[in-house]
PDB file of N, CA and C in Angstrom:
ATOM      1  N   MET A   1     113.127  90.208 116.300  1.00  0.00           N
ATOM      2  CA  MET A   1     111.954  89.368 116.284  1.00  0.00           C
ATOM      3  C   MET A   1     110.662  90.177 116.112  1.00  0.00           C
ATOM      4  N   LYS A   2     110.629  91.394 116.711  1.00  0.00           N
ATOM      5  CA  LYS A   2     109.420  92.203 116.596  1.00  0.00           C
ATOM      6  C   LYS A   2     109.118  92.542 115.138  1.00  0.00           C
ATOM      7  N   THR A   3     110.147  92.795 114.351  1.00  0.00           N
ATOM      8  CA  THR A   3     109.937  93.138 112.950  1.00  0.00           C
ATOM      9  C   THR A   3     109.275  91.997 112.189  1.00  0.00           C
ATOM     10  N   ASN A   4     109.657  90.766 112.463  1.00  0.00           N
ATOM     11  CA  ASN A   4     109.033  89.608 111.804  1.00  0.00           C
ATOM     12  C   ASN A   4     107.564  89.492 112.180  1.00  0.00           C
ATOM     13  N   ALA A   5     107.233  89.743 113.438  1.00  0.00           N
ATOM     14  CA  ALA A   5     105.843  89.668 113.889  1.00  0.00           C
ATOM     15  C   ALA A   5     105.012  90.758 113.229  1.00  0.00           C
ATOM     16  N   VAL A   6     105.552  91.966 113.140  1.00  0.00           N
ATOM     17  CA  VAL A   6     104.852  93.078 112.499  1.00  0.00           C
ATOM     18  C   VAL A   6     104.660  92.790 111.014  1.00  0.00           C
ATOM     19  N   THR A   7     105.689  92.284 110.365  1.00  0.00           N
ATOM     20  CA  THR A   7     105.602  91.944 108.939  1.00  0.00           C
ATOM     21  C   THR A   7     104.574  90.843 108.712  1.00  0.00           C
ATOM     22  N   ALA A   8     104.565  89.843 109.571  1.00  0.00           N
ATOM     23  CA  ALA A   8     103.598  88.749 109.454  1.00  0.00           C
ATOM     24  C   ALA A   8     102.180  89.277 109.641  1.00  0.00           C
ATOM     25  N   ARG A   9     101.975  90.172 110.592  1.00  0.00           N
ATOM     26  CA  ARG A   9     100.644  90.733 110.853  1.00  0.00           C
ATOM     27  C   ARG A   9     100.178  91.550 109.639  1.00  0.00           C
ATOM     28  N   LYS A  10     101.062  92.361 109.081  1.00  0.00           N
ATOM     29  CA  LYS A  10     100.706  93.169 107.908  1.00  0.00           C
ATOM     30  C   LYS A  10     100.364  92.263 106.715  1.00  0.00           C
ATOM     31  N   SER A  11     101.122  91.200 106.560  1.00  0.00           N
ATOM     32  CA  SER A  11     100.855  90.256 105.473  1.00  0.00           C
ATOM     33  C   SER A  11      99.493  89.593 105.652  1.00  0.00           C
ATOM     34  N   ALA A  12      99.171  89.222 106.895  1.00  0.00           N
ATOM     35  CA  ALA A  12      97.882  88.580 107.170  1.00  0.00           C
ATOM     36  C   ALA A  12      96.732  89.551 106.900  1.00  0.00           C
ATOM     37  N   VAL A  13      96.874  90.810 107.306  1.00  0.00           N
ATOM     38  CA  VAL A  13      95.833  91.813 107.070  1.00  0.00           C
ATOM     39  C   VAL A  13      95.645  92.018 105.566  1.00  0.00           C
ATOM     40  N   LEU A  14      96.746  92.105 104.845  1.00  0.00           N
ATOM     41  CA  LEU A  14      96.681  92.269 103.398  1.00  0.00           C
ATOM     42  C   LEU A  14      96.002  91.075 102.736  1.00  0.00           C
ATOM     43  N   LEU A  15      96.349  89.884 103.149  1.00  0.00           N
ATOM     44  CA  LEU A  15      95.759  88.664 102.596  1.00  0.00           C
ATOM     45  C   LEU A  15      94.255  88.634 102.838  1.00  0.00           C
ATOM     46  N   PHE A  16      93.820  88.927 104.061  1.00  0.00           N
ATOM     47  CA  PHE A  16      92.387  88.928 104.360  1.00  0.00           C
ATOM     48  C   PHE A  16      91.661  90.022 103.579  1.00  0.00           C
ATOM     49  N   GLY A  17      92.323  91.138 103.368  1.00  0.00           N
ATOM     50  CA  GLY A  17      91.725  92.207 102.566  1.00  0.00           C
ATOM     51  C   GLY A  17      91.509  91.784 101.133  1.00  0.00           C
ATOM     52  N   VAL A  18      92.500  91.118 100.571  1.00  0.00           N
ATOM     53  CA  VAL A  18      92.394  90.641  99.188  1.00  0.00           C
ATOM     54  C   VAL A  18      91.294  89.591  99.069  1.00  0.00           C
ATOM     55  N   ILE A  19      91.247  88.671 100.018  1.00  0.00           N
ATOM     56  CA  ILE A  19      90.198  87.634  99.994  1.00  0.00           C
ATOM     57  C   ILE A  19      88.823  88.275 100.132  1.00  0.00           C
ATOM     58  N   GLY A  20      88.689  89.225 101.041  1.00  0.00           N
ATOM     59  CA  GLY A  20      87.410  89.919 101.221  1.00  0.00           C
ATOM     60  C   GLY A  20      86.981  90.648  99.964  1.00  0.00           C
ATOM     61  N   ALA A  21      87.922  91.312  99.308  1.00  0.00           N
ATOM     62  CA  ALA A  21      87.605  92.024  98.067  1.00  0.00           C
ATOM     63  C   ALA A  21      87.151  91.043  96.986  1.00  0.00           C
ATOM     64  N   GLY A  22      87.748  89.863  96.965  1.00  0.00           N
ATOM     65  CA  GLY A  22      87.339  88.843  96.000  1.00  0.00           C
ATOM     66  C   GLY A  22      85.900  88.415  96.197  1.00  0.00           C
ATOM     67  N   PHE A  23      85.502  88.245  97.461  1.00  0.00           N
ATOM     68  CA  PHE A  23      84.111  87.875  97.733  1.00  0.00           C
ATOM     69  C   PHE A  23      83.149  88.985  97.335  1.00  0.00           C
ATOM     70  N   VAL A  24      83.509  90.224  97.574  1.00  0.00           N
ATOM     71  CA  VAL A  24      82.668  91.350  97.174  1.00  0.00           C
ATOM     72  C   VAL A  24      82.532  91.373  95.658  1.00  0.00           C
ATOM     73  N   ALA A  25      83.634  91.157  94.951  1.00  0.00           N
ATOM     74  CA  ALA A  25      83.596  91.146  93.488  1.00  0.00           C
ATOM     75  C   ALA A  25      82.702  90.030  92.962  1.00  0.00           C
ATOM     76  N   LEU A  26      82.778  88.859  93.560  1.00  0.00           N
ATOM     77  CA  LEU A  26      81.930  87.741  93.132  1.00  0.00           C
ATOM     78  C   LEU A  26      80.463  88.057  93.373  1.00  0.00           C
ATOM     79  N   ASP A  27      80.150  88.646  94.511  1.00  0.00           N
ATOM     80  CA  ASP A  27      78.774  88.984  94.832  1.00  0.00           C
ATOM     81  C   ASP A  27      78.246  90.032  93.858  1.00  0.00           C
ATOM     82  N   THR A  28      79.046  91.024  93.543  1.00  0.00           N
ATOM     83  CA  THR A  28      78.649  92.060  92.602  1.00  0.00           C
ATOM     84  C   THR A  28      78.429  91.475  91.216  1.00  0.00           C
ATOM     85  N   ALA A  29      79.294  90.581  90.790  1.00  0.00           N
ATOM     86  CA  ALA A  29      79.141  89.966  89.471  1.00  0.00           C
ATOM     87  C   ALA A  29      77.844  89.182  89.394  1.00  0.00           C
ATOM     88  N   GLY A  30      77.505  88.461  90.436  1.00  0.00           N
ATOM     89  CA  GLY A  30      76.260  87.708  90.456  1.00  0.00           C
ATOM     90  C   GLY A  30      75.049  88.615  90.393  1.00  0.00           C
ATOM     91  N   ALA A  31      75.113  89.733  91.087  1.00  0.00           N
ATOM     92  CA  ALA A  31      73.989  90.661  91.114  1.00  0.00           C
ATOM     93  C   ALA A  31      73.810  91.339  89.761  1.00  0.00           C
ATOM     94  N   GLN A  32      74.883  91.513  89.004  1.00  0.00           N
ATOM     95  CA  GLN A  32      74.803  92.185  87.726  1.00  0.00           C
ATOM     96  C   GLN A  32      74.312  91.274  86.613  1.00  0.00           C
ATOM     97  N   GLN A  33      74.231  90.000  86.855  1.00  0.00           N
ATOM     98  CA  GLN A  33      73.818  89.094  85.796  1.00  0.00           C
ATOM     99  C   GLN A  33      72.379  89.315  85.376  1.00  0.00           C
ATOM    100  N   GLY A  34      71.535  89.734  86.281  1.00  0.00           N
ATOM    101  CA  GLY A  34      70.156  89.963  85.947  1.00  0.00           C
ATOM    102  C   GLY A  34      69.404  88.663  85.756  1.00  0.00           C
ATOM    103  N   GLU A  35      68.123  88.782  85.680  1.00  0.00           N
ATOM    104  CA  GLU A  35      67.282  87.612  85.479  1.00  0.00           C
ATOM    105  C   GLU A  35      66.185  87.989  84.501  1.00  0.00           C
ATOM    106  N   LEU A  36      66.015  87.165  83.500  1.00  0.00           N
ATOM    107  CA  LEU A  36      64.976  87.424  82.510  1.00  0.00           C
ATOM    108  C   LEU A  36      63.598  87.194  83.114  1.00  0.00           C
ATOM    109  N   PRO A  37      62.602  87.960  82.664  1.00  0.00           N
ATOM    110  CA  PRO A  37      61.232  87.766  83.161  1.00  0.00           C
ATOM    111  C   PRO A  37      60.685  86.392  82.762  1.00  0.00           C
ATOM    112  N   ALA A  38      59.742  85.916  83.532  1.00  0.00           N
ATOM    113  CA  ALA A  38      59.101  84.636  83.242  1.00  0.00           C
ATOM    114  C   ALA A  38      58.399  84.691  81.889  1.00  0.00           C
ATOM    115  N   GLY A  39      58.379  83.555  81.236  1.00  0.00           N
ATOM    116  CA  GLY A  39      57.704  83.449  79.956  1.00  0.00           C
ATOM    117  C   GLY A  39      58.139  82.187  79.255  1.00  0.00           C
ATOM    118  N   PRO A  40      57.372  81.778  78.246  1.00  0.00           N
ATOM    119  CA  PRO A  40      57.742  80.585  77.493  1.00  0.00           C
ATOM    120  C   PRO A  40      59.115  80.761  76.844  1.00  0.00           C
ATOM    121  N   ASP A  41      59.941  79.756  76.954  1.00  0.00           N
ATOM    122  CA  ASP A  41      61.282  79.730  76.367  1.00  0.00           C
ATOM    123  C   ASP A  41      62.287  80.649  77.068  1.00  0.00           C
ATOM    124  N   ARG A  42      61.971  81.047  78.287  1.00  0.00           N
ATOM    125  CA  ARG A  42      62.896  81.881  79.056  1.00  0.00           C
ATOM    126  C   ARG A  42      64.260  81.204  79.211  1.00  0.00           C
ATOM    127  N   GLU A  43      64.266  79.910  79.535  1.00  0.00           N
ATOM    128  CA  GLU A  43      65.528  79.193  79.733  1.00  0.00           C
ATOM    129  C   GLU A  43      66.330  79.115  78.437  1.00  0.00           C
ATOM    130  N   LEU A  44      65.634  78.900  77.329  1.00  0.00           N
ATOM    131  CA  LEU A  44      66.298  78.859  76.024  1.00  0.00           C
ATOM    132  C   LEU A  44      66.993  80.188  75.746  1.00  0.00           C
ATOM    133  N   VAL A  45      66.261  81.279  75.942  1.00  0.00           N
ATOM    134  CA  VAL A  45      66.810  82.612  75.688  1.00  0.00           C
ATOM    135  C   VAL A  45      67.978  82.885  76.631  1.00  0.00           C
ATOM    136  N   ALA A  46      67.807  82.574  77.914  1.00  0.00           N
ATOM    137  CA  ALA A  46      68.877  82.806  78.893  1.00  0.00           C
ATOM    138  C   ALA A  46      70.134  82.026  78.502  1.00  0.00           C
ATOM    139  N   HIS A  47      69.955  80.777  78.104  1.00  0.00           N
ATOM    140  CA  HIS A  47      71.090  79.935  77.722  1.00  0.00           C
ATOM    141  C   HIS A  47      71.815  80.493  76.501  1.00  0.00           C
ATOM    142  N   GLU A  48      71.058  80.824  75.468  1.00  0.00           N
ATOM    143  CA  GLU A  48      71.671  81.294  74.224  1.00  0.00           C
ATOM    144  C   GLU A  48      72.332  82.658  74.392  1.00  0.00           C
ATOM    145  N   CYS A  49      71.669  83.567  75.086  1.00  0.00           N
ATOM    146  CA  CYS A  49      72.221  84.925  75.233  1.00  0.00           C
ATOM    147  C   CYS A  49      73.410  84.947  76.194  1.00  0.00           C
ATOM    148  N   ALA A  50      73.286  84.216  77.309  1.00  0.00           N
ATOM    149  CA  ALA A  50      74.348  84.221  78.318  1.00  0.00           C
ATOM    150  C   ALA A  50      75.591  83.469  77.846  1.00  0.00           C
ATOM    151  N   ALA A  51      75.489  82.752  76.734  1.00  0.00           N
ATOM    152  CA  ALA A  51      76.671  82.072  76.198  1.00  0.00           C
ATOM    153  C   ALA A  51      77.715  83.087  75.739  1.00  0.00           C
ATOM    154  N   CYS A  52      77.286  84.304  75.431  1.00  0.00           N
ATOM    155  CA  CYS A  52      78.221  85.316  74.925  1.00  0.00           C
ATOM    156  C   CYS A  52      78.323  86.563  75.797  1.00  0.00           C
ATOM    157  N   HIS A  53      77.263  86.906  76.508  1.00  0.00           N
ATOM    158  CA  HIS A  53      77.292  88.150  77.277  1.00  0.00           C
ATOM    159  C   HIS A  53      76.332  88.082  78.460  1.00  0.00           C
ATOM    160  N   ASP A  54      76.439  89.073  79.314  1.00  0.00           N
ATOM    161  CA  ASP A  54      75.605  89.180  80.499  1.00  0.00           C
ATOM    162  C   ASP A  54      74.145  89.399  80.094  1.00  0.00           C
ATOM    163  N   LEU A  55      73.232  88.833  80.840  1.00  0.00           N
ATOM    164  CA  LEU A  55      71.810  89.003  80.531  1.00  0.00           C
ATOM    165  C   LEU A  55      71.336  90.429  80.763  1.00  0.00           C
ATOM    166  N   GLU A  56      72.094  91.222  81.518  1.00  0.00           N
ATOM    167  CA  GLU A  56      71.741  92.631  81.709  1.00  0.00           C
ATOM    168  C   GLU A  56      71.662  93.358  80.366  1.00  0.00           C
ATOM    169  N   MET A  57      72.470  92.935  79.404  1.00  0.00           N
ATOM    170  CA  MET A  57      72.424  93.556  78.077  1.00  0.00           C
ATOM    171  C   MET A  57      71.065  93.317  77.428  1.00  0.00           C
ATOM    172  N   VAL A  58      70.521  92.142  77.625  1.00  0.00           N
ATOM    173  CA  VAL A  58      69.211  91.810  77.060  1.00  0.00           C
ATOM    174  C   VAL A  58      68.137  92.611  77.787  1.00  0.00           C
ATOM    175  N   ILE A  59      68.200  92.620  79.097  1.00  0.00           N
ATOM    176  CA  ILE A  59      67.204  93.327  79.905  1.00  0.00           C
ATOM    177  C   ILE A  59      67.232  94.820  79.594  1.00  0.00           C
ATOM    178  N   ALA A  60      68.415  95.368  79.383  1.00  0.00           N
ATOM    179  CA  ALA A  60      68.549  96.800  79.093  1.00  0.00           C
ATOM    180  C   ALA A  60      67.863  97.189  77.782  1.00  0.00           C
ATOM    181  N   ALA A  61      67.683  96.234  76.888  1.00  0.00           N
ATOM    182  CA  ALA A  61      67.056  96.515  75.595  1.00  0.00           C
ATOM    183  C   ALA A  61      65.539  96.356  75.638  1.00  0.00           C
ATOM    184  N   ALA A  62      64.972  96.127  76.816  1.00  0.00           N
ATOM    185  CA  ALA A  62      63.513  95.974  76.940  1.00  0.00           C
ATOM    186  C   ALA A  62      62.822  97.183  76.310  1.00  0.00           C
ATOM    187  N   GLY A  63      61.739  96.897  75.627  1.00  0.00           N
ATOM    188  CA  GLY A  63      60.988  97.946  74.958  1.00  0.00           C
ATOM    189  C   GLY A  63      61.205  97.954  73.456  1.00  0.00           C
ATOM    190  N   ALA A  64      62.136  97.146  72.983  1.00  0.00           N
ATOM    191  CA  ALA A  64      62.418  97.092  71.549  1.00  0.00           C
ATOM    192  C   ALA A  64      61.266  96.423  70.798  1.00  0.00           C
ATOM    193  N   SER A  65      61.092  96.806  69.556  1.00  0.00           N
ATOM    194  CA  SER A  65      60.044  96.224  68.709  1.00  0.00           C
ATOM    195  C   SER A  65      60.439  94.817  68.274  1.00  0.00           C
ATOM    196  N   ARG A  66      59.466  94.101  67.716  1.00  0.00           N
ATOM    197  CA  ARG A  66      59.742  92.762  67.188  1.00  0.00           C
ATOM    198  C   ARG A  66      60.832  92.837  66.116  1.00  0.00           C
ATOM    199  N   GLN A  67      60.749  93.843  65.256  1.00  0.00           N
ATOM    200  CA  GLN A  67      61.758  93.978  64.200  1.00  0.00           C
ATOM    201  C   GLN A  67      63.135  94.239  64.796  1.00  0.00           C
ATOM    202  N   ALA A  68      63.190  95.049  65.843  1.00  0.00           N
ATOM    203  CA  ALA A  68      64.481  95.326  66.483  1.00  0.00           C
ATOM    204  C   ALA A  68      65.053  94.061  67.117  1.00  0.00           C
ATOM    205  N   TRP A  69      64.195  93.241  67.746  1.00  0.00           N
ATOM    206  CA  TRP A  69      64.678  91.983  68.336  1.00  0.00           C
ATOM    207  C   TRP A  69      65.120  91.026  67.231  1.00  0.00           C
ATOM    208  N   THR A  70      64.378  90.978  66.133  1.00  0.00           N
ATOM    209  CA  THR A  70      64.763  90.131  64.995  1.00  0.00           C
ATOM    210  C   THR A  70      66.131  90.552  64.475  1.00  0.00           C
ATOM    211  N   ASP A  71      66.304  91.856  64.307  1.00  0.00           N
ATOM    212  CA  ASP A  71      67.590  92.371  63.819  1.00  0.00           C
ATOM    213  C   ASP A  71      68.712  92.059  64.813  1.00  0.00           C
ATOM    214  N   THR A  72      68.414  92.158  66.102  1.00  0.00           N
ATOM    215  CA  THR A  72      69.431  91.880  67.123  1.00  0.00           C
ATOM    216  C   THR A  72      69.846  90.413  67.093  1.00  0.00           C
ATOM    217  N   VAL A  73      68.882  89.520  66.980  1.00  0.00           N
ATOM    218  CA  VAL A  73      69.204  88.086  66.913  1.00  0.00           C
ATOM    219  C   VAL A  73      70.038  87.810  65.663  1.00  0.00           C
ATOM    220  N   ASP A  74      69.649  88.405  64.537  1.00  0.00           N
ATOM    221  CA  ASP A  74      70.429  88.238  63.304  1.00  0.00           C
ATOM    222  C   ASP A  74      71.861  88.748  63.486  1.00  0.00           C
ATOM    223  N   GLU A  75      71.996  89.879  64.154  1.00  0.00           N
ATOM    224  CA  GLU A  75      73.328  90.449  64.399  1.00  0.00           C
ATOM    225  C   GLU A  75      74.158  89.521  65.289  1.00  0.00           C
ATOM    226  N   MET A  76      73.524  88.953  66.316  1.00  0.00           N
ATOM    227  CA  MET A  76      74.250  88.039  67.207  1.00  0.00           C
ATOM    228  C   MET A  76      74.737  86.809  66.439  1.00  0.00           C
ATOM    229  N   VAL A  77      73.925  86.328  65.504  1.00  0.00           N
ATOM    230  CA  VAL A  77      74.330  85.184  64.681  1.00  0.00           C
ATOM    231  C   VAL A  77      75.529  85.581  63.809  1.00  0.00           C
ATOM    232  N   ARG A  78      75.486  86.791  63.271  1.00  0.00           N
ATOM    233  CA  ARG A  78      76.640  87.260  62.472  1.00  0.00           C
ATOM    234  C   ARG A  78      77.894  87.369  63.337  1.00  0.00           C
ATOM    235  N   TYR A  79      77.734  87.692  64.619  1.00  0.00           N
ATOM    236  CA  TYR A  79      78.874  87.767  65.536  1.00  0.00           C
ATOM    237  C   TYR A  79      79.374  86.387  65.951  1.00  0.00           C
ATOM    238  N   GLY A  80      78.595  85.342  65.628  1.00  0.00           N
ATOM    239  CA  GLY A  80      79.065  83.997  65.928  1.00  0.00           C
ATOM    240  C   GLY A  80      78.177  83.187  66.852  1.00  0.00           C
ATOM    241  N   ALA A  81      77.041  83.745  67.283  1.00  0.00           N
ATOM    242  CA  ALA A  81      76.120  82.968  68.129  1.00  0.00           C
ATOM    243  C   ALA A  81      75.639  81.760  67.328  1.00  0.00           C
ATOM    244  N   ARG A  82      75.699  80.610  67.960  1.00  0.00           N
ATOM    245  CA  ARG A  82      75.295  79.370  67.275  1.00  0.00           C
ATOM    246  C   ARG A  82      73.880  79.002  67.694  1.00  0.00           C
ATOM    247  N   ILE A  83      72.938  79.709  67.135  1.00  0.00           N
ATOM    248  CA  ILE A  83      71.521  79.487  67.452  1.00  0.00           C
ATOM    249  C   ILE A  83      70.948  78.533  66.421  1.00  0.00           C
ATOM    250  N   ASP A  84      70.335  77.478  66.914  1.00  0.00           N
ATOM    251  CA  ASP A  84      69.688  76.514  66.030  1.00  0.00           C
ATOM    252  C   ASP A  84      68.593  77.249  65.254  1.00  0.00           C
ATOM    253  N   PRO A  85      68.530  77.093  63.937  1.00  0.00           N
ATOM    254  CA  PRO A  85      67.509  77.789  63.139  1.00  0.00           C
ATOM    255  C   PRO A  85      66.085  77.547  63.638  1.00  0.00           C
ATOM    256  N   GLN A  86      65.830  76.379  64.224  1.00  0.00           N
ATOM    257  CA  GLN A  86      64.489  76.094  64.753  1.00  0.00           C
ATOM    258  C   GLN A  86      64.210  76.889  66.025  1.00  0.00           C
ATOM    259  N   ASP A  87      65.270  77.293  66.755  1.00  0.00           N
ATOM    260  CA  ASP A  87      65.091  78.055  67.992  1.00  0.00           C
ATOM    261  C   ASP A  87      64.958  79.550  67.746  1.00  0.00           C
ATOM    262  N   ARG A  88      65.425  80.018  66.607  1.00  0.00           N
ATOM    263  CA  ARG A  88      65.415  81.445  66.321  1.00  0.00           C
ATOM    264  C   ARG A  88      64.034  82.075  66.473  1.00  0.00           C
ATOM    265  N   PRO A  89      62.964  81.521  65.861  1.00  0.00           N
ATOM    266  CA  PRO A  89      61.647  82.139  66.021  1.00  0.00           C
ATOM    267  C   PRO A  89      61.153  82.120  67.478  1.00  0.00           C
ATOM    268  N   ARG A  90      61.509  81.094  68.217  1.00  0.00           N
ATOM    269  CA  ARG A  90      61.110  81.011  69.633  1.00  0.00           C
ATOM    270  C   ARG A  90      61.804  82.097  70.443  1.00  0.00           C
ATOM    271  N   ILE A  91      63.065  82.343  70.126  1.00  0.00           N
ATOM    272  CA  ILE A  91      63.825  83.378  70.831  1.00  0.00           C
ATOM    273  C   ILE A  91      63.241  84.757  70.516  1.00  0.00           C
ATOM    274  N   VAL A  92      63.001  85.026  69.248  1.00  0.00           N
ATOM    275  CA  VAL A  92      62.425  86.316  68.853  1.00  0.00           C
ATOM    276  C   VAL A  92      61.044  86.487  69.484  1.00  0.00           C
ATOM    277  N   GLU A  93      60.247  85.427  69.516  1.00  0.00           N
ATOM    278  CA  GLU A  93      58.908  85.508  70.118  1.00  0.00           C
ATOM    279  C   GLU A  93      58.997  85.857  71.601  1.00  0.00           C
ATOM    280  N   TYR A  94      59.882  85.186  72.325  1.00  0.00           N
ATOM    281  CA  TYR A  94      60.048  85.491  73.749  1.00  0.00           C
ATOM    282  C   TYR A  94      60.473  86.944  73.929  1.00  0.00           C
ATOM    283  N   LEU A  95      61.519  87.347  73.228  1.00  0.00           N
ATOM    284  CA  LEU A  95      62.047  88.695  73.396  1.00  0.00           C
ATOM    285  C   LEU A  95      61.011  89.754  73.047  1.00  0.00           C
ATOM    286  N   SER A  96      60.292  89.574  71.948  1.00  0.00           N
ATOM    287  CA  SER A  96      59.337  90.591  71.522  1.00  0.00           C
ATOM    288  C   SER A  96      58.071  90.603  72.372  1.00  0.00           C
ATOM    289  N   SER A  97      57.701  89.467  72.933  1.00  0.00           N
ATOM    290  CA  SER A  97      56.493  89.458  73.755  1.00  0.00           C
ATOM    291  C   SER A  97      56.771  89.810  75.216  1.00  0.00           C
ATOM    292  N   VAL A  98      57.889  89.327  75.749  1.00  0.00           N
ATOM    293  CA  VAL A  98      58.184  89.567  77.161  1.00  0.00           C
ATOM    294  C   VAL A  98      58.988  90.854  77.369  1.00  0.00           C
ATOM    295  N   LEU A  99      59.827  91.192  76.392  1.00  0.00           N
ATOM    296  CA  LEU A  99      60.647  92.401  76.508  1.00  0.00           C
ATOM    297  C   LEU A  99      60.368  93.372  75.359  1.00  0.00           C
ATOM    298  N   GLY A 100      59.183  93.273  74.781  1.00  0.00           N
ATOM    299  CA  GLY A 100      58.807  94.136  73.660  1.00  0.00           C
ATOM    300  C   GLY A 100      58.339  95.512  74.110  1.00  0.00           C
ATOM    301  N   PRO A 101      57.757  96.271  73.164  1.00  0.00           N
ATOM    302  CA  PRO A 101      57.377  97.658  73.430  1.00  0.00           C
ATOM    303  C   PRO A 101      56.366  97.844  74.569  1.00  0.00           C
ATOM    304  N   THR A 102      55.528  96.872  74.771  1.00  0.00           N
ATOM    305  CA  THR A 102      54.515  97.020  75.826  1.00  0.00           C
ATOM    306  C   THR A 102      54.962  96.431  77.166  1.00  0.00           C
ATOM    307  N   ALA A 103      56.138  95.850  77.181  1.00  0.00           N
ATOM    308  CA  ALA A 103      56.629  95.218  78.397  1.00  0.00           C
ATOM    309  C   ALA A 103      57.132  96.252  79.387  1.00  0.00           C
ATOM    310  N   LYS A 104      56.879  95.977  80.658  1.00  0.00           N
ATOM    311  CA  LYS A 104      57.425  96.811  81.716  1.00  0.00           C
ATOM    312  C   LYS A 104      58.889  96.457  81.831  1.00  0.00           C
ATOM    313  N   LYS A 105      59.755  97.467  81.841  1.00  0.00           N
ATOM    314  CA  LYS A 105      61.198  97.215  81.890  1.00  0.00           C
ATOM    315  C   LYS A 105      61.552  96.558  83.223  1.00  0.00           C
ATOM    316  N   PRO A 106      62.104  95.325  83.157  1.00  0.00           N
ATOM    317  CA  PRO A 106      62.491  94.641  84.395  1.00  0.00           C
ATOM    318  C   PRO A 106      63.679  95.311  85.041  1.00  0.00           C
ATOM    319  N   THR A 107      63.837  95.067  86.335  1.00  0.00           N
ATOM    320  CA  THR A 107      64.986  95.597  87.050  1.00  0.00           C
ATOM    321  C   THR A 107      65.933  94.468  87.369  1.00  0.00           C
ATOM    322  N   ALA A 108      67.177  94.818  87.598  1.00  0.00           N
ATOM    323  CA  ALA A 108      68.170  93.802  87.986  1.00  0.00           C
ATOM    324  C   ALA A 108      67.812  93.271  89.341  1.00  0.00           C
ATOM    325  N   ARG A 109      68.131  91.994  89.557  1.00  0.00           N
ATOM    326  CA  ARG A 109      67.781  91.403  90.847  1.00  0.00           C
ATOM    327  C   ARG A 109      68.769  91.761  91.909  1.00  0.00           C
TER     328      ARG A 109
END
């Protein structure tokens, strides 16, 4: 009988460890998502960019020129991003003005 109790205790400890690790992983994933700086069309940009990748990728590119952001948006469309043609200039404007060369590089939240 003692062996069953020991086995049950080890199983319970293992289960709680796995559950705890899952919560840590979820918390880390949320923290890595990043948050775009305030600005006109922020929600549009967040929605379109986060449809394919983490927003940290966008934040990491802060400091890029308008041409670099234009090229990046064009590249994302070639990769399959379904950006409405009317939204494209708004997205480039947000990225180049809020995350352009004169922008202070935001930090992850």
